Amino acid sequence: MAAAGALLAVQASVPAQASSTSGFTLDSNPILFVHGYNGGSSNWNTMADRFRADGWPSSHLHQWNYDSRQSNTITAQQLSTEVDRVLAATGADQVDIVSHSMGGLSSRYYLKNLDGTAKTEAWVSLGGPNHGTDSANACFDTSCPEMRIGSSFLTALNSGDETPGAPRYATWWSPCDTVINPDSSVSLSGAVNTKTSCVSHTGLLTDATVYAQTRDMINR
């Protein structure tokens, strides 16, 4: 989600371990980045470059692109296919999913309803409208009503266990995020929920502290 019109083969050689204790190791999973509404794969350029600097090979960094206007249920089905493609390409057993904004909804749907928990070790939501946002009232694509507070999509997604299965779940929310209203929408029961400094909705994608915390969370 970018903000109310702005809501937002061959595996490369893998280094044995980066010099940083928080760097890539042979146990690190490939990362699948899922952008938000009106976003695109390039939203992740800064974060992906930081992962590369910490030793992740490009073969393990997948900046996925999809049509954010469509229903999140359709996106989740496409995400399932993409996860399988990444696992086949890398030879890994599981992925780590890092999502921004609305990307958290389709990836949560994948985990909950499409057997994604077996293929995902860690899931991250940066500024996700997990319980809805009033910003979605101002957009009208198919995915927009699903992001609205009290939508049938969110009611079903949040029913029962909000963090099902074995994956580790974590969210980050900013008190200065004017796209996700209320701020409390982001946090999930059963997740590690972190309040950031005063960064914008899109700033969650490039903030150095958020990156370092995300890296350390998925790379346990």
N, C-alpha and C. Protein backbone atom coordinates (compact mmCIF):
# COMPACT_ATOMS: atom_id res chain seq x y z
N MET A 1 0.86 -1.18 0.00
CA MET A 1 0.00 0.00 0.00
C MET A 1 0.89 1.22 0.00
N ALA A 2 0.79 2.09 -0.90
CA ALA A 2 1.74 3.19 -0.96
C ALA A 2 1.23 4.43 -0.26
N ALA A 3 -0.18 5.37 -0.40
CA ALA A 3 -0.84 6.35 0.55
C ALA A 3 -2.20 6.60 0.00
N ALA A 4 -3.26 6.69 0.24
CA ALA A 4 -4.67 6.59 -0.14
C ALA A 4 -4.90 6.64 -1.63
N GLY A 5 -4.31 7.05 -2.50
CA GLY A 5 -4.06 6.78 -3.88
C GLY A 5 -2.69 6.31 -3.84
N ALA A 6 -2.05 6.44 -2.78
CA ALA A 6 -0.71 6.04 -2.38
C ALA A 6 -0.87 5.23 -1.13
N LEU A 7 -2.04 4.46 -0.95
CA LEU A 7 -2.12 3.55 0.21
C LEU A 7 -0.95 2.61 0.01
N LEU A 8 -1.01 3.66 0.41
CA LEU A 8 -0.37 2.56 -0.17
C LEU A 8 -1.41 1.48 -0.26
N ALA A 9 16.69 -21.97 -11.89
CA ALA A 9 17.44 -21.74 -12.64
C ALA A 9 18.70 -22.12 -12.18
N VAL A 10 19.47 -21.26 -12.18
CA VAL A 10 20.76 -21.71 -11.65
C VAL A 10 21.03 -20.90 -10.41
N GLN A 11 21.29 -21.60 -9.36
CA GLN A 11 21.54 -20.91 -8.11
C GLN A 11 22.93 -20.29 -8.15
N ALA A 12 22.99 -19.00 -7.76
CA ALA A 12 24.28 -18.32 -7.72
C ALA A 12 25.14 -18.92 -6.62
N SER A 13 26.44 -18.74 -6.74
CA SER A 13 27.30 -19.25 -5.68
C SER A 13 26.99 -18.55 -4.38
N VAL A 14 26.97 -19.29 -3.30
CA VAL A 14 26.55 -18.78 -2.00
C VAL A 14 27.75 -18.72 -1.07
N PRO A 15 28.04 -17.55 -0.49
CA PRO A 15 29.15 -17.47 0.45
C PRO A 15 28.86 -18.30 1.69
N ALA A 16 29.86 -18.90 2.28
CA ALA A 16 29.65 -19.74 3.45
C ALA A 16 29.11 -18.93 4.61
N GLN A 17 29.63 -17.73 4.83
CA GLN A 17 29.13 -16.91 5.92
C GLN A 17 29.72 -15.51 5.78
N ALA A 18 28.90 -14.51 6.03
CA ALA A 18 29.39 -13.14 6.01
C ALA A 18 30.14 -12.87 7.31
N SER A 19 30.93 -11.79 7.29
CA SER A 19 31.74 -11.49 8.46
C SER A 19 30.89 -11.07 9.65
N SER A 20 29.75 -10.45 9.40
CA SER A 20 28.88 -10.01 10.49
C SER A 20 28.20 -11.20 11.14
N THR A 21 28.02 -11.14 12.46
CA THR A 21 27.30 -12.20 13.15
C THR A 21 25.84 -12.23 12.74
N SER A 22 25.36 -11.13 12.14
CA SER A 22 23.98 -11.07 11.67
C SER A 22 23.90 -11.30 10.17
N GLY A 23 24.96 -11.83 9.60
CA GLY A 23 25.01 -12.02 8.16
C GLY A 23 24.47 -13.36 7.71
N PHE A 24 24.51 -13.56 6.42
CA PHE A 24 24.01 -14.76 5.77
C PHE A 24 24.84 -15.98 6.18
N THR A 25 24.15 -17.10 6.40
CA THR A 25 24.82 -18.38 6.61
C THR A 25 24.14 -19.42 5.71
N LEU A 26 24.67 -20.59 5.68
CA LEU A 26 24.07 -21.65 4.86
C LEU A 26 22.70 -22.06 5.37
N ASP A 27 22.37 -21.67 6.60
CA ASP A 27 21.05 -21.97 7.15
C ASP A 27 20.03 -20.86 6.86
N SER A 28 20.47 -19.76 6.26
CA SER A 28 19.56 -18.65 5.97
C SER A 28 18.63 -19.02 4.81
N ASN A 29 17.38 -18.64 4.95
CA ASN A 29 16.39 -18.94 3.92
C ASN A 29 16.40 -17.88 2.82
N PRO A 30 15.92 -18.24 1.63
CA PRO A 30 15.64 -17.19 0.64
C PRO A 30 14.54 -16.28 1.15
N ILE A 31 14.62 -15.02 0.79
CA ILE A 31 13.65 -14.02 1.24
C ILE A 31 12.76 -13.62 0.08
N LEU A 32 11.46 -13.64 0.33
CA LEU A 32 10.48 -13.20 -0.66
C LEU A 32 9.84 -11.91 -0.17
N PHE A 33 10.05 -10.82 -0.91
CA PHE A 33 9.53 -9.51 -0.54
C PHE A 33 8.18 -9.28 -1.24
N VAL A 34 7.18 -8.86 -0.47
CA VAL A 34 5.83 -8.65 -1.01
C VAL A 34 5.44 -7.19 -0.76
N HIS A 35 5.34 -6.42 -1.83
CA HIS A 35 5.01 -4.99 -1.72
C HIS A 35 3.54 -4.78 -1.41
N GLY A 36 3.16 -3.52 -1.23
CA GLY A 36 1.79 -3.18 -0.87
C GLY A 36 1.00 -2.58 -2.01
N TYR A 37 -0.12 -2.01 -1.65
CA TYR A 37 -1.04 -1.41 -2.63
C TYR A 37 -0.36 -0.25 -3.37
N ASN A 38 -0.50 -0.24 -4.69
CA ASN A 38 0.12 0.77 -5.55
C ASN A 38 1.65 0.75 -5.47
N GLY A 39 2.20 -0.33 -4.94
CA GLY A 39 3.65 -0.44 -4.86
C GLY A 39 4.19 -1.27 -6.00
N GLY A 40 5.45 -1.63 -5.88
CA GLY A 40 6.10 -2.44 -6.89
C GLY A 40 7.36 -3.06 -6.33
N SER A 41 7.95 -3.96 -7.08
CA SER A 41 9.12 -4.69 -6.60
C SER A 41 10.28 -3.75 -6.27
N SER A 42 10.36 -2.61 -6.95
CA SER A 42 11.46 -1.67 -6.71
C SER A 42 11.38 -1.03 -5.34
N ASN A 43 10.22 -1.12 -4.68
CA ASN A 43 10.10 -0.60 -3.31
C ASN A 43 11.15 -1.21 -2.37
N TRP A 44 11.60 -2.40 -2.73
CA TRP A 44 12.50 -3.15 -1.86
C TRP A 44 13.97 -2.96 -2.19
N ASN A 45 14.30 -2.08 -3.12
CA ASN A 45 15.70 -1.96 -3.56
C ASN A 45 16.66 -1.66 -2.42
N THR A 46 16.29 -0.71 -1.57
CA THR A 46 17.18 -0.34 -0.46
C THR A 46 17.38 -1.50 0.50
N MET A 47 16.28 -2.15 0.89
CA MET A 47 16.40 -3.27 1.83
C MET A 47 17.16 -4.43 1.21
N ALA A 48 16.88 -4.75 -0.05
CA ALA A 48 17.59 -5.85 -0.71
C ALA A 48 19.08 -5.56 -0.80
N ASP A 49 19.44 -4.31 -1.09
CA ASP A 49 20.86 -3.95 -1.14
C ASP A 49 21.53 -4.12 0.22
N ARG A 50 20.81 -3.83 1.27
CA ARG A 50 21.36 -4.01 2.62
C ARG A 50 21.55 -5.49 2.94
N PHE A 51 20.61 -6.33 2.50
CA PHE A 51 20.79 -7.76 2.70
C PHE A 51 22.02 -8.25 1.92
N ARG A 52 22.21 -7.73 0.71
CA ARG A 52 23.40 -8.13 -0.07
C ARG A 52 24.68 -7.71 0.66
N ALA A 53 24.65 -6.52 1.21
CA ALA A 53 25.83 -6.04 1.95
C ALA A 53 26.12 -6.92 3.16
N ASP A 54 25.11 -7.58 3.69
CA ASP A 54 25.27 -8.48 4.82
C ASP A 54 25.47 -9.93 4.38
N GLY A 55 25.72 -10.14 3.09
CA GLY A 55 26.13 -11.45 2.62
C GLY A 55 25.11 -12.27 1.86
N TRP A 56 23.84 -11.80 1.79
CA TRP A 56 22.84 -12.57 1.06
C TRP A 56 23.13 -12.52 -0.44
N PRO A 57 23.18 -13.66 -1.11
CA PRO A 57 23.36 -13.65 -2.56
C PRO A 57 22.06 -13.25 -3.25
N SER A 58 22.18 -12.72 -4.45
CA SER A 58 20.98 -12.30 -5.18
C SER A 58 20.01 -13.45 -5.42
N SER A 59 20.53 -14.68 -5.47
CA SER A 59 19.67 -15.85 -5.66
C SER A 59 18.70 -16.04 -4.51
N HIS A 60 18.99 -15.41 -3.36
CA HIS A 60 18.15 -15.57 -2.18
C HIS A 60 17.32 -14.33 -1.87
N LEU A 61 17.25 -13.39 -2.80
CA LEU A 61 16.49 -12.16 -2.61
C LEU A 61 15.52 -11.99 -3.76
N HIS A 62 14.24 -12.15 -3.50
CA HIS A 62 13.23 -12.17 -4.56
C HIS A 62 12.23 -11.04 -4.34
N GLN A 63 12.36 -10.00 -5.16
CA GLN A 63 11.48 -8.83 -5.09
C GLN A 63 10.29 -9.07 -6.03
N TRP A 64 9.26 -9.67 -5.47
CA TRP A 64 8.11 -10.11 -6.26
C TRP A 64 7.22 -8.94 -6.65
N ASN A 65 6.62 -9.03 -7.82
CA ASN A 65 5.71 -8.00 -8.31
C ASN A 65 4.37 -8.63 -8.65
N TYR A 66 3.28 -7.94 -8.36
CA TYR A 66 1.95 -8.45 -8.64
C TYR A 66 0.99 -7.28 -8.82
N ASP A 67 -0.21 -7.55 -9.27
CA ASP A 67 -1.23 -6.52 -9.49
C ASP A 67 -1.97 -6.26 -8.17
N SER A 68 -1.66 -5.15 -7.53
CA SER A 68 -2.24 -4.89 -6.21
C SER A 68 -3.69 -4.46 -6.27
N ARG A 69 -4.24 -4.29 -7.46
CA ARG A 69 -5.66 -3.91 -7.57
C ARG A 69 -6.58 -5.11 -7.39
N GLN A 70 -6.08 -6.31 -7.61
CA GLN A 70 -6.90 -7.51 -7.54
C GLN A 70 -7.12 -7.93 -6.10
N SER A 71 -8.05 -8.86 -5.90
CA SER A 71 -8.32 -9.35 -4.55
C SER A 71 -7.08 -9.98 -3.94
N ASN A 72 -6.93 -9.80 -2.65
CA ASN A 72 -5.81 -10.42 -1.95
C ASN A 72 -5.87 -11.95 -1.98
N THR A 73 -7.05 -12.51 -2.18
CA THR A 73 -7.14 -13.97 -2.29
C THR A 73 -6.48 -14.46 -3.57
N ILE A 74 -6.64 -13.70 -4.65
CA ILE A 74 -5.97 -14.05 -5.92
C ILE A 74 -4.47 -13.87 -5.78
N THR A 75 -4.07 -12.77 -5.17
CA THR A 75 -2.65 -12.53 -4.94
C THR A 75 -2.03 -13.65 -4.12
N ALA A 76 -2.76 -14.12 -3.10
CA ALA A 76 -2.26 -15.21 -2.26
C ALA A 76 -2.02 -16.48 -3.07
N GLN A 77 -2.91 -16.76 -4.01
CA GLN A 77 -2.73 -17.93 -4.86
C GLN A 77 -1.50 -17.78 -5.75
N GLN A 78 -1.28 -16.57 -6.26
CA GLN A 78 -0.09 -16.32 -7.07
C GLN A 78 1.17 -16.37 -6.22
N LEU A 79 1.05 -15.91 -4.98
CA LEU A 79 2.18 -15.97 -4.05
C LEU A 79 2.56 -17.42 -3.77
N SER A 80 1.57 -18.27 -3.63
CA SER A 80 1.84 -19.69 -3.41
C SER A 80 2.69 -20.27 -4.54
N THR A 81 2.34 -19.90 -5.77
CA THR A 81 3.11 -20.35 -6.93
C THR A 81 4.52 -19.79 -6.90
N GLU A 82 4.64 -18.53 -6.51
CA GLU A 82 5.96 -17.90 -6.45
C GLU A 82 6.83 -18.53 -5.37
N VAL A 83 6.26 -18.84 -4.22
CA VAL A 83 7.03 -19.51 -3.17
C VAL A 83 7.57 -20.84 -3.69
N ASP A 84 6.73 -21.61 -4.37
CA ASP A 84 7.18 -22.90 -4.91
C ASP A 84 8.30 -22.70 -5.92
N ARG A 85 8.19 -21.65 -6.72
CA ARG A 85 9.24 -21.37 -7.71
C ARG A 85 10.56 -21.04 -7.02
N VAL A 86 10.50 -20.21 -5.98
CA VAL A 86 11.71 -19.82 -5.26
C VAL A 86 12.35 -21.03 -4.59
N LEU A 87 11.55 -21.88 -3.98
CA LEU A 87 12.09 -23.07 -3.32
C LEU A 87 12.75 -24.01 -4.33
N ALA A 88 12.12 -24.17 -5.49
CA ALA A 88 12.71 -25.03 -6.52
C ALA A 88 14.01 -24.44 -7.05
N ALA A 89 14.05 -23.12 -7.20
CA ALA A 89 15.23 -22.47 -7.76
C ALA A 89 16.41 -22.48 -6.79
N THR A 90 16.13 -22.42 -5.50
CA THR A 90 17.20 -22.32 -4.51
C THR A 90 17.52 -23.64 -3.82
N GLY A 91 16.62 -24.60 -3.91
CA GLY A 91 16.81 -25.86 -3.21
C GLY A 91 16.51 -25.77 -1.72
N ALA A 92 15.93 -24.65 -1.30
CA ALA A 92 15.60 -24.47 0.11
C ALA A 92 14.31 -25.19 0.47
N ASP A 93 14.11 -25.42 1.76
CA ASP A 93 12.88 -26.04 2.24
C ASP A 93 11.82 -25.01 2.62
N GLN A 94 12.28 -23.81 3.01
CA GLN A 94 11.36 -22.77 3.43
C GLN A 94 11.85 -21.40 2.99
N VAL A 95 10.93 -20.45 2.96
CA VAL A 95 11.26 -19.06 2.67
C VAL A 95 11.00 -18.22 3.91
N ASP A 96 11.54 -17.01 3.91
CA ASP A 96 11.12 -15.97 4.84
C ASP A 96 10.38 -14.93 4.02
N ILE A 97 9.22 -14.50 4.49
CA ILE A 97 8.41 -13.51 3.78
C ILE A 97 8.51 -12.18 4.51
N VAL A 98 8.89 -11.13 3.77
CA VAL A 98 8.93 -9.78 4.31
C VAL A 98 7.94 -8.95 3.51
N SER A 99 6.92 -8.44 4.18
CA SER A 99 5.84 -7.73 3.48
C SER A 99 5.74 -6.29 3.95
N HIS A 100 5.23 -5.45 3.06
CA HIS A 100 4.95 -4.05 3.41
C HIS A 100 3.48 -3.79 3.17
N SER A 101 2.85 -3.13 4.12
CA SER A 101 1.49 -2.65 3.98
C SER A 101 0.54 -3.77 3.57
N MET A 102 -0.22 -3.57 2.49
CA MET A 102 -1.21 -4.56 2.09
C MET A 102 -0.60 -5.91 1.75
N GLY A 103 0.69 -5.94 1.45
CA GLY A 103 1.36 -7.22 1.18
C GLY A 103 1.26 -8.18 2.35
N GLY A 104 1.04 -7.64 3.54
CA GLY A 104 0.86 -8.50 4.69
C GLY A 104 -0.42 -9.30 4.65
N LEU A 105 -1.44 -8.77 3.97
CA LEU A 105 -2.74 -9.45 3.95
C LEU A 105 -2.74 -10.67 3.04
N SER A 106 -2.22 -10.52 1.83
CA SER A 106 -2.18 -11.67 0.92
C SER A 106 -1.24 -12.74 1.45
N SER A 107 -0.12 -12.33 2.06
CA SER A 107 0.81 -13.33 2.57
C SER A 107 0.26 -14.03 3.81
N ARG A 108 -0.49 -13.31 4.64
CA ARG A 108 -1.16 -13.96 5.77
C ARG A 108 -2.23 -14.94 5.27
N TYR A 109 -2.96 -14.56 4.24
CA TYR A 109 -3.97 -15.45 3.67
C TYR A 109 -3.28 -16.73 3.15
N TYR A 110 -2.14 -16.56 2.52
CA TYR A 110 -1.37 -17.71 2.03
C TYR A 110 -0.99 -18.63 3.18
N LEU A 111 -0.48 -18.06 4.26
CA LEU A 111 -0.07 -18.88 5.39
C LEU A 111 -1.27 -19.60 6.01
N LYS A 112 -2.37 -18.89 6.18
CA LYS A 112 -3.52 -19.44 6.90
C LYS A 112 -4.33 -20.43 6.07
N ASN A 113 -4.51 -20.14 4.79
CA ASN A 113 -5.48 -20.88 3.98
C ASN A 113 -4.90 -21.73 2.87
N LEU A 114 -3.62 -21.54 2.53
CA LEU A 114 -3.04 -22.24 1.39
C LEU A 114 -1.82 -23.06 1.79
N ASP A 115 -1.81 -23.53 3.02
CA ASP A 115 -0.73 -24.39 3.53
C ASP A 115 0.63 -23.71 3.50
N GLY A 116 0.62 -22.37 3.59
CA GLY A 116 1.89 -21.65 3.54
C GLY A 116 2.73 -21.78 4.79
N THR A 117 2.12 -22.20 5.90
CA THR A 117 2.90 -22.29 7.14
C THR A 117 4.01 -23.34 7.04
N ALA A 118 3.80 -24.37 6.25
CA ALA A 118 4.81 -25.42 6.12
C ALA A 118 6.02 -24.96 5.32
N LYS A 119 5.82 -23.93 4.50
CA LYS A 119 6.89 -23.48 3.61
C LYS A 119 7.48 -22.14 4.02
N THR A 120 7.05 -21.63 5.17
CA THR A 120 7.51 -20.32 5.64
C THR A 120 8.06 -20.44 7.05
N GLU A 121 9.29 -19.98 7.25
CA GLU A 121 9.88 -20.03 8.59
C GLU A 121 9.61 -18.75 9.36
N ALA A 122 9.68 -17.61 8.68
CA ALA A 122 9.45 -16.32 9.35
C ALA A 122 8.64 -15.42 8.45
N TRP A 123 7.76 -14.64 9.07
CA TRP A 123 6.89 -13.71 8.33
C TRP A 123 6.97 -12.35 9.01
N VAL A 124 7.15 -11.31 8.19
CA VAL A 124 7.31 -9.94 8.69
C VAL A 124 6.27 -9.04 8.03
N SER A 125 5.64 -8.20 8.85
CA SER A 125 4.71 -7.18 8.35
C SER A 125 5.23 -5.81 8.74
N LEU A 126 5.56 -4.99 7.76
CA LEU A 126 5.96 -3.60 8.00
C LEU A 126 4.78 -2.70 7.67
N GLY A 127 4.16 -2.13 8.69
CA GLY A 127 3.04 -1.24 8.47
C GLY A 127 1.87 -1.90 7.76
N GLY A 128 1.50 -3.09 8.18
CA GLY A 128 0.40 -3.81 7.53
C GLY A 128 -0.96 -3.44 8.12
N PRO A 129 -1.99 -3.29 7.29
CA PRO A 129 -3.34 -2.99 7.79
C PRO A 129 -4.04 -4.25 8.27
N ASN A 130 -3.42 -4.93 9.22
CA ASN A 130 -3.87 -6.26 9.61
C ASN A 130 -5.27 -6.28 10.22
N HIS A 131 -5.68 -5.15 10.77
CA HIS A 131 -7.05 -5.03 11.28
C HIS A 131 -7.79 -3.88 10.59
N GLY A 132 -7.30 -3.51 9.43
CA GLY A 132 -7.98 -2.49 8.64
C GLY A 132 -7.43 -1.10 8.84
N THR A 133 -7.70 -0.23 7.87
CA THR A 133 -7.28 1.17 7.94
C THR A 133 -8.31 2.05 7.27
N ASP A 134 -8.56 3.23 7.85
CA ASP A 134 -9.54 4.12 7.24
C ASP A 134 -9.03 4.73 5.94
N SER A 135 -7.73 4.64 5.66
CA SER A 135 -7.19 5.12 4.38
C SER A 135 -7.79 4.36 3.20
N ALA A 136 -8.18 3.11 3.45
CA ALA A 136 -8.73 2.29 2.36
C ALA A 136 -10.11 2.76 1.94
N ASN A 137 -10.72 3.63 2.72
CA ASN A 137 -12.03 4.17 2.32
C ASN A 137 -11.92 5.07 1.10
N ALA A 138 -10.72 5.52 0.80
CA ALA A 138 -10.53 6.48 -0.29
C ALA A 138 -10.07 5.82 -1.59
N CYS A 139 -9.99 4.50 -1.64
CA CYS A 139 -9.64 3.83 -2.90
C CYS A 139 -10.70 2.78 -3.21
N PHE A 140 -10.79 2.40 -4.49
CA PHE A 140 -11.95 1.62 -4.90
C PHE A 140 -11.62 0.43 -5.81
N ASP A 141 -10.35 0.05 -5.87
CA ASP A 141 -10.00 -1.18 -6.57
C ASP A 141 -10.53 -2.37 -5.77
N THR A 142 -10.51 -3.55 -6.36
CA THR A 142 -11.07 -4.73 -5.70
C THR A 142 -10.43 -4.98 -4.34
N SER A 143 -9.14 -4.71 -4.23
CA SER A 143 -8.44 -4.97 -2.97
C SER A 143 -8.77 -3.95 -1.88
N CYS A 144 -9.28 -2.80 -2.26
CA CYS A 144 -9.49 -1.72 -1.28
C CYS A 144 -10.52 -2.06 -0.20
N PRO A 145 -11.73 -2.52 -0.56
CA PRO A 145 -12.69 -2.88 0.49
C PRO A 145 -12.17 -3.94 1.45
N GLU A 146 -11.28 -4.80 0.99
CA GLU A 146 -10.73 -5.84 1.85
C GLU A 146 -9.85 -5.25 2.95
N MET A 147 -9.31 -4.06 2.73
CA MET A 147 -8.45 -3.41 3.72
C MET A 147 -9.24 -2.54 4.69
N ARG A 148 -10.52 -2.39 4.49
CA ARG A 148 -11.30 -1.50 5.33
C ARG A 148 -11.62 -2.15 6.67
N ILE A 149 -11.68 -1.33 7.69
CA ILE A 149 -11.97 -1.81 9.04
C ILE A 149 -13.31 -2.55 9.06
N GLY A 150 -13.31 -3.76 9.58
CA GLY A 150 -14.53 -4.55 9.68
C GLY A 150 -14.92 -5.29 8.42
N SER A 151 -14.04 -5.31 7.40
CA SER A 151 -14.37 -6.02 6.16
C SER A 151 -14.54 -7.51 6.40
N SER A 152 -15.33 -8.15 5.56
CA SER A 152 -15.51 -9.60 5.69
C SER A 152 -14.19 -10.33 5.47
N PHE A 153 -13.34 -9.79 4.59
CA PHE A 153 -12.04 -10.41 4.34
C PHE A 153 -11.21 -10.42 5.62
N LEU A 154 -11.12 -9.28 6.30
CA LEU A 154 -10.32 -9.20 7.51
C LEU A 154 -10.94 -9.96 8.66
N THR A 155 -12.26 -9.96 8.73
CA THR A 155 -12.93 -10.72 9.79
C THR A 155 -12.57 -12.20 9.69
N ALA A 156 -12.57 -12.73 8.48
CA ALA A 156 -12.21 -14.14 8.28
C ALA A 156 -10.72 -14.36 8.53
N LEU A 157 -9.90 -13.44 8.04
CA LEU A 157 -8.46 -13.60 8.18
C LEU A 157 -8.03 -13.58 9.64
N ASN A 158 -8.70 -12.76 10.44
CA ASN A 158 -8.32 -12.60 11.84
C ASN A 158 -9.08 -13.53 12.79
N SER A 159 -9.95 -14.35 12.25
CA SER A 159 -10.71 -15.26 13.12
C SER A 159 -9.80 -16.36 13.64
N GLY A 160 -10.05 -16.77 14.86
CA GLY A 160 -9.23 -17.82 15.44
C GLY A 160 -7.82 -17.32 15.74
N ASP A 161 -6.83 -18.11 15.38
CA ASP A 161 -5.43 -17.79 15.63
C ASP A 161 -4.93 -16.80 14.59
N GLU A 162 -4.48 -15.63 15.02
CA GLU A 162 -3.98 -14.63 14.08
C GLU A 162 -2.58 -14.97 13.55
N THR A 163 -1.89 -15.86 14.23
CA THR A 163 -0.54 -16.25 13.82
C THR A 163 -0.43 -17.78 13.82
N PRO A 164 -1.09 -18.43 12.88
CA PRO A 164 -1.18 -19.89 12.92
C PRO A 164 0.12 -20.60 12.55
N GLY A 165 0.21 -21.83 13.02
CA GLY A 165 1.30 -22.70 12.61
C GLY A 165 2.62 -22.39 13.29
N ALA A 166 3.69 -22.91 12.70
CA ALA A 166 5.03 -22.84 13.29
C ALA A 166 5.84 -21.60 12.91
N PRO A 167 5.50 -20.85 11.86
CA PRO A 167 6.33 -19.69 11.51
C PRO A 167 6.46 -18.70 12.66
N ARG A 168 7.57 -17.96 12.65
CA ARG A 168 7.75 -16.84 13.57
C ARG A 168 7.15 -15.60 12.92
N TYR A 169 6.31 -14.90 13.65
CA TYR A 169 5.61 -13.72 13.14
C TYR A 169 6.12 -12.47 13.83
N ALA A 170 6.31 -11.39 13.07
CA ALA A 170 6.73 -10.12 13.65
C ALA A 170 6.14 -8.97 12.85
N THR A 171 5.75 -7.91 13.56
CA THR A 171 5.24 -6.72 12.90
C THR A 171 6.00 -5.50 13.40
N TRP A 172 6.06 -4.48 12.55
CA TRP A 172 6.62 -3.19 12.91
C TRP A 172 5.59 -2.11 12.59
N TRP A 173 5.37 -1.19 13.52
CA TRP A 173 4.43 -0.11 13.28
C TRP A 173 5.03 1.21 13.75
N SER A 174 4.67 2.27 13.05
CA SER A 174 5.21 3.58 13.37
C SER A 174 4.12 4.51 13.89
N PRO A 175 4.40 5.28 14.94
CA PRO A 175 3.43 6.25 15.45
C PRO A 175 3.23 7.42 14.49
N CYS A 176 4.10 7.52 13.48
CA CYS A 176 4.00 8.60 12.50
C CYS A 176 3.50 8.11 11.14
N ASP A 177 2.98 6.89 11.11
CA ASP A 177 2.42 6.33 9.87
C ASP A 177 1.01 6.88 9.69
N THR A 178 0.83 7.74 8.69
CA THR A 178 -0.48 8.36 8.47
C THR A 178 -1.35 7.55 7.51
N VAL A 179 -0.84 6.43 7.03
CA VAL A 179 -1.60 5.58 6.10
C VAL A 179 -2.36 4.49 6.85
N ILE A 180 -1.76 3.96 7.91
CA ILE A 180 -2.41 2.92 8.70
C ILE A 180 -3.06 3.58 9.91
N ASN A 181 -4.36 3.66 9.87
CA ASN A 181 -5.15 4.27 10.95
C ASN A 181 -6.28 3.33 11.36
N PRO A 182 -6.31 2.91 12.63
CA PRO A 182 -5.44 3.31 13.73
C PRO A 182 -4.11 2.57 13.71
N ASP A 183 -3.13 3.10 14.45
CA ASP A 183 -1.82 2.46 14.54
C ASP A 183 -1.92 1.03 15.06
N SER A 184 -2.87 0.79 15.93
CA SER A 184 -3.02 -0.53 16.55
C SER A 184 -3.41 -1.61 15.56
N SER A 185 -3.76 -1.23 14.34
CA SER A 185 -4.15 -2.19 13.32
C SER A 185 -3.04 -3.18 12.99
N VAL A 186 -1.81 -2.74 13.09
CA VAL A 186 -0.68 -3.54 12.61
C VAL A 186 -0.42 -4.76 13.49
N SER A 187 -0.48 -4.60 14.79
CA SER A 187 -0.07 -5.65 15.72
C SER A 187 -0.98 -6.87 15.65
N LEU A 188 -0.37 -8.03 15.83
CA LEU A 188 -1.10 -9.30 15.80
C LEU A 188 -0.88 -10.07 17.09
N SER A 189 -1.91 -10.72 17.56
CA SER A 189 -1.79 -11.59 18.71
C SER A 189 -0.90 -12.78 18.36
N GLY A 190 0.12 -13.01 19.17
CA GLY A 190 1.04 -14.11 18.92
C GLY A 190 2.28 -13.71 18.16
N ALA A 191 2.34 -12.44 17.69
CA ALA A 191 3.52 -11.95 16.98
C ALA A 191 4.38 -11.12 17.92
N VAL A 192 5.63 -10.90 17.53
CA VAL A 192 6.47 -9.91 18.19
C VAL A 192 6.17 -8.57 17.52
N ASN A 193 5.55 -7.66 18.25
CA ASN A 193 5.09 -6.39 17.68
C ASN A 193 6.00 -5.26 18.16
N THR A 194 6.61 -4.54 17.22
CA THR A 194 7.62 -3.54 17.55
C THR A 194 7.19 -2.15 17.09
N LYS A 195 7.25 -1.21 18.02
CA LYS A 195 7.01 0.20 17.69
C LYS A 195 8.32 0.82 17.21
N THR A 196 8.29 1.49 16.06
CA THR A 196 9.49 2.12 15.52
C THR A 196 9.60 3.56 16.00
N SER A 197 10.65 4.22 15.58
CA SER A 197 10.74 5.66 15.78
C SER A 197 9.77 6.34 14.82
N CYS A 198 9.79 7.65 14.78
CA CYS A 198 8.85 8.39 13.94
C CYS A 198 9.27 8.33 12.48
N VAL A 199 8.84 7.27 11.79
CA VAL A 199 9.12 7.13 10.36
C VAL A 199 7.80 7.04 9.61
N SER A 200 7.82 7.42 8.36
CA SER A 200 6.61 7.40 7.54
C SER A 200 6.26 5.99 7.11
N HIS A 201 5.10 5.85 6.49
CA HIS A 201 4.67 4.54 5.99
C HIS A 201 5.69 3.96 5.02
N THR A 202 6.08 4.75 4.04
CA THR A 202 7.08 4.27 3.07
C THR A 202 8.47 4.23 3.68
N GLY A 203 8.69 5.05 4.71
CA GLY A 203 9.99 5.05 5.38
C GLY A 203 10.31 3.73 6.05
N LEU A 204 9.30 2.94 6.37
CA LEU A 204 9.53 1.61 6.94
C LEU A 204 10.35 0.73 6.00
N LEU A 205 10.29 1.04 4.72
CA LEU A 205 11.02 0.26 3.73
C LEU A 205 12.52 0.57 3.72
N THR A 206 12.89 1.74 4.18
CA THR A 206 14.27 2.20 4.05
C THR A 206 14.95 2.53 5.38
N ASP A 207 14.22 2.51 6.48
CA ASP A 207 14.80 2.84 7.77
C ASP A 207 15.85 1.80 8.16
N ALA A 208 17.03 2.27 8.53
CA ALA A 208 18.14 1.35 8.82
C ALA A 208 17.88 0.49 10.05
N THR A 209 17.25 1.05 11.06
CA THR A 209 16.97 0.28 12.27
C THR A 209 15.94 -0.80 12.00
N VAL A 210 14.89 -0.46 11.26
CA VAL A 210 13.87 -1.46 10.90
C VAL A 210 14.51 -2.58 10.10
N TYR A 211 15.41 -2.22 9.18
CA TYR A 211 16.10 -3.26 8.42
C TYR A 211 16.87 -4.20 9.34
N ALA A 212 17.69 -3.63 10.23
CA ALA A 212 18.53 -4.46 11.09
C ALA A 212 17.68 -5.37 11.98
N GLN A 213 16.58 -4.85 12.48
CA GLN A 213 15.71 -5.66 13.33
C GLN A 213 15.03 -6.76 12.50
N THR A 214 14.61 -6.43 11.30
CA THR A 214 14.02 -7.43 10.40
C THR A 214 15.02 -8.53 10.07
N ARG A 215 16.21 -8.12 9.70
CA ARG A 215 17.28 -9.09 9.37
C ARG A 215 17.52 -10.05 10.52
N ASP A 216 17.66 -9.50 11.73
CA ASP A 216 17.96 -10.35 12.88
C ASP A 216 16.79 -11.26 13.25
N MET A 217 15.58 -10.78 13.00
CA MET A 217 14.40 -11.60 13.32
C MET A 217 14.31 -12.80 12.39
N ILE A 218 14.52 -12.59 11.10
CA ILE A 218 14.35 -13.72 10.17
C ILE A 218 15.57 -14.64 10.15
N ASN A 219 16.71 -14.14 10.63
CA ASN A 219 17.96 -14.90 10.46
C ASN A 219 18.38 -15.62 11.74
N ARG A 220 17.42 -16.03 12.55
CA ARG A 220 17.75 -16.74 13.79
C ARG A 220 18.15 -18.19 13.50
